[in-house]
Amino acid sequence: MVVLKVVTIIRAPIERCFDLSRSIDLHVQSTAETGERSVAGVTSGLIGLGERVTWRAKHLGVWQEFTSEITALDRPKYFQDKMIRGAFRSFEHDHLFMEIGDGTTEMRDVLRFAAPIPLLGRIAEVFLRPYLSRFLHERNHVIKNAAESEDWRQFV
């Protein structure tokens, strides 16, 4: 299993950062490069506890569908999404938020995943680690830009 950790500092209130991270519409905007779209479940607005979303996107040259569910939520500090169906053997993403003063928020992502085939999966994980790390950084950059400007208002 691979564990990725990404920390993003955002000059915006914790509640705003938390809700932007749950926004289906902002997620679609942040993943324009992969053509990611919500095709089932929650397809717009903010996703909540017990709700599911199915994404369709082109990753590494292959169109895929990935369904996740919000399995834990403690607004505005924490939520977790887990893969219900998709190409990974397992996939869990923890989103943690902490106020660090002066209206600034630390947004921490902890992503744990395992490739689908145990033996070949180790080789795949070598490629997936940098790919998913870049994916998280790009997504967080979009969240940060929206949160620190007036753009956030169109998503929450």
Protein backbone atom coordinates (compact mmCIF):
# COMPACT_ATOMS: atom_id res chain seq x y z
CA MET A 1 0.00 0.00 0.00
CA VAL A 2 1.21 3.50 -0.88
CA VAL A 3 0.60 6.48 1.40
CA LEU A 4 0.77 10.00 -0.01
CA LYS A 5 0.64 13.11 2.18
CA VAL A 6 0.10 16.61 0.87
CA VAL A 7 -0.15 19.77 2.98
CA THR A 8 -1.58 22.98 1.55
CA ILE A 9 -1.70 26.29 3.42
CA ILE A 10 -4.68 28.44 2.46
CA ARG A 11 -5.36 32.01 3.57
CA ALA A 12 -9.09 31.44 4.06
CA PRO A 13 -11.45 30.26 6.82
CA ILE A 14 -11.52 26.57 7.64
CA GLU A 15 -15.23 26.19 6.79
CA ARG A 16 -14.68 27.59 3.30
CA CYS A 17 -11.74 25.26 2.64
CA PHE A 18 -13.68 22.28 3.96
CA ASP A 19 -16.72 22.95 1.79
CA LEU A 20 -14.66 23.68 -1.33
CA SER A 21 -12.99 20.29 -0.88
CA ARG A 22 -16.45 18.65 -0.95
CA SER A 23 -17.63 20.58 -4.01
CA ILE A 24 -18.36 18.34 -6.98
CA ASP A 25 -18.36 21.37 -9.29
CA LEU A 26 -14.94 22.61 -8.16
CA HIS A 27 -13.55 19.08 -8.45
CA VAL A 28 -14.71 18.95 -12.07
CA GLN A 29 -13.03 22.30 -12.72
CA SER A 30 -9.80 21.14 -11.04
CA THR A 31 -9.62 17.98 -13.18
CA ALA A 32 -10.34 19.50 -16.59
CA GLU A 33 -7.12 17.96 -17.93
CA THR A 34 -8.49 14.43 -17.46
CA GLY A 35 -12.01 15.29 -18.65
CA GLU A 36 -13.33 14.11 -15.29
CA ARG A 37 -17.11 14.27 -14.91
CA SER A 38 -19.57 13.16 -12.29
CA VAL A 39 -21.85 10.64 -14.00
CA ALA A 40 -23.84 9.14 -11.11
CA GLY A 41 -24.74 9.77 -7.50
CA VAL A 42 -24.11 13.34 -6.38
CA THR A 43 -23.42 15.19 -9.64
CA SER A 44 -23.22 18.79 -8.37
CA GLY A 45 -23.09 20.81 -5.18
CA LEU A 46 -21.52 19.57 -1.94
CA ILE A 47 -21.23 15.85 -1.24
CA GLY A 48 -22.12 14.72 2.28
CA LEU A 49 -21.87 11.80 4.66
CA GLY A 50 -23.06 8.51 3.19
CA GLU A 51 -23.35 9.95 -0.30
CA ARG A 52 -21.66 8.50 -3.37
CA VAL A 53 -20.30 9.90 -6.59
CA THR A 54 -19.18 8.09 -9.73
CA TRP A 55 -16.48 9.83 -11.73
CA ARG A 56 -15.63 9.14 -15.36
CA ALA A 57 -12.21 10.31 -16.49
CA LYS A 58 -9.29 9.52 -18.74
CA HIS A 59 -6.28 8.59 -16.60
CA LEU A 60 -3.03 7.33 -18.11
CA GLY A 61 -4.72 7.15 -21.51
CA VAL A 62 -7.61 4.93 -20.40
CA TRP A 63 -11.24 5.93 -19.74
CA GLN A 64 -12.25 4.72 -16.28
CA GLU A 65 -15.08 4.95 -13.80
CA PHE A 66 -14.47 5.33 -10.08
CA THR A 67 -17.18 5.36 -7.40
CA SER A 68 -16.45 6.70 -3.94
CA GLU A 69 -18.49 7.25 -0.80
CA ILE A 70 -18.07 9.77 2.00
CA THR A 71 -17.62 7.37 4.93
CA ALA A 72 -16.79 9.89 7.69
CA LEU A 73 -17.48 13.59 8.12
CA ASP A 74 -16.85 15.99 11.00
CA ARG A 75 -17.37 19.50 9.62
CA PRO A 76 -15.13 21.50 9.35
CA LYS A 77 -12.23 19.32 10.50
CA TYR A 78 -12.33 16.02 8.64
CA PHE A 79 -13.92 13.85 6.01
CA GLN A 80 -12.96 10.61 4.33
CA ASP A 81 -13.86 9.15 0.98
CA LYS A 82 -13.36 5.50 0.07
CA MET A 83 -13.48 3.72 -3.24
CA ILE A 84 -16.56 1.55 -3.63
CA ARG A 85 -15.81 0.53 -7.21
CA GLY A 86 -12.84 1.25 -9.43
CA ALA A 87 -9.48 0.15 -10.75
CA PHE A 88 -7.63 0.05 -7.40
CA ARG A 89 -7.49 -2.82 -4.94
CA SER A 90 -8.10 -0.17 -2.25
CA PHE A 91 -8.29 3.62 -2.15
CA GLU A 92 -8.94 5.80 0.92
CA HIS A 93 -8.55 9.56 1.07
CA ASP A 94 -8.55 11.46 4.37
CA HIS A 95 -9.09 15.23 4.22
CA LEU A 96 -8.01 17.04 7.40
CA PHE A 97 -8.37 20.75 8.15
CA MET A 98 -6.86 22.80 10.96
CA GLU A 99 -7.01 26.51 11.74
CA ILE A 100 -3.49 27.84 12.13
CA GLY A 101 -4.29 31.49 12.92
CA ASP A 102 -5.15 34.77 11.20
CA GLY A 103 -7.88 33.14 9.09
CA THR A 104 -5.41 30.63 7.64
CA THR A 105 -6.15 26.93 7.23
CA GLU A 106 -3.86 23.95 6.89
CA MET A 107 -5.43 21.42 4.52
CA ARG A 108 -3.84 17.99 4.80
CA ASP A 109 -4.54 15.10 2.42
CA VAL A 110 -3.60 11.55 3.31
CA LEU A 111 -4.21 9.18 0.43
CA ARG A 112 -3.74 5.42 0.80
CA PHE A 113 -4.01 3.19 -2.22
CA ALA A 114 -3.04 -0.23 -3.49
CA ALA A 115 -2.87 -1.17 -7.16
CA PRO A 116 -5.28 -3.85 -8.37
CA ILE A 117 -2.96 -6.80 -8.94
CA PRO A 118 -0.68 -7.58 -5.97
CA LEU A 119 2.48 -8.64 -7.83
CA LEU A 120 2.13 -6.39 -10.88
CA GLY A 121 0.64 -3.78 -8.59
CA ARG A 122 4.02 -3.03 -7.05
CA ILE A 123 5.29 -2.03 -10.48
CA ALA A 124 2.14 -0.01 -11.18
CA GLU A 125 2.49 1.77 -7.83
CA VAL A 126 5.87 3.12 -8.96
CA PHE A 127 4.02 5.00 -11.74
CA LEU A 128 0.87 5.76 -9.77
CA ARG A 129 2.69 7.42 -6.84
CA PRO A 130 3.98 10.46 -8.80
CA TYR A 131 0.85 10.60 -10.98
CA LEU A 132 -1.52 10.77 -7.98
CA SER A 133 0.78 13.12 -6.08
CA ARG A 134 0.71 15.55 -9.01
CA PHE A 135 -3.08 15.09 -9.27
CA LEU A 136 -3.51 16.05 -5.59
CA HIS A 137 -1.19 19.05 -5.84
CA GLU A 138 -3.02 20.37 -8.91
CA ARG A 139 -6.43 19.85 -7.29
CA ASN A 140 -5.30 21.59 -4.10
CA HIS A 141 -3.91 24.50 -6.10
CA VAL A 142 -7.38 25.04 -7.60
CA ILE A 143 -9.02 24.82 -4.15
CA LYS A 144 -6.47 27.31 -2.75
CA ASN A 145 -7.02 29.78 -5.61
CA ALA A 146 -10.80 29.61 -5.24
CA ALA A 147 -10.69 29.92 -1.44
CA GLU A 148 -8.35 32.91 -1.49
CA SER A 149 -10.42 34.83 -4.06
CA GLU A 150 -14.08 35.59 -4.53
CA ASP A 151 -14.39 32.54 -6.82
CA TRP A 152 -15.35 30.36 -3.83
CA ARG A 153 -18.85 31.87 -3.83
CA GLN A 154 -19.82 30.00 -7.01
CA PHE A 155 -19.05 26.61 -5.41
CA VAL A 156 -20.51 26.74 -1.87
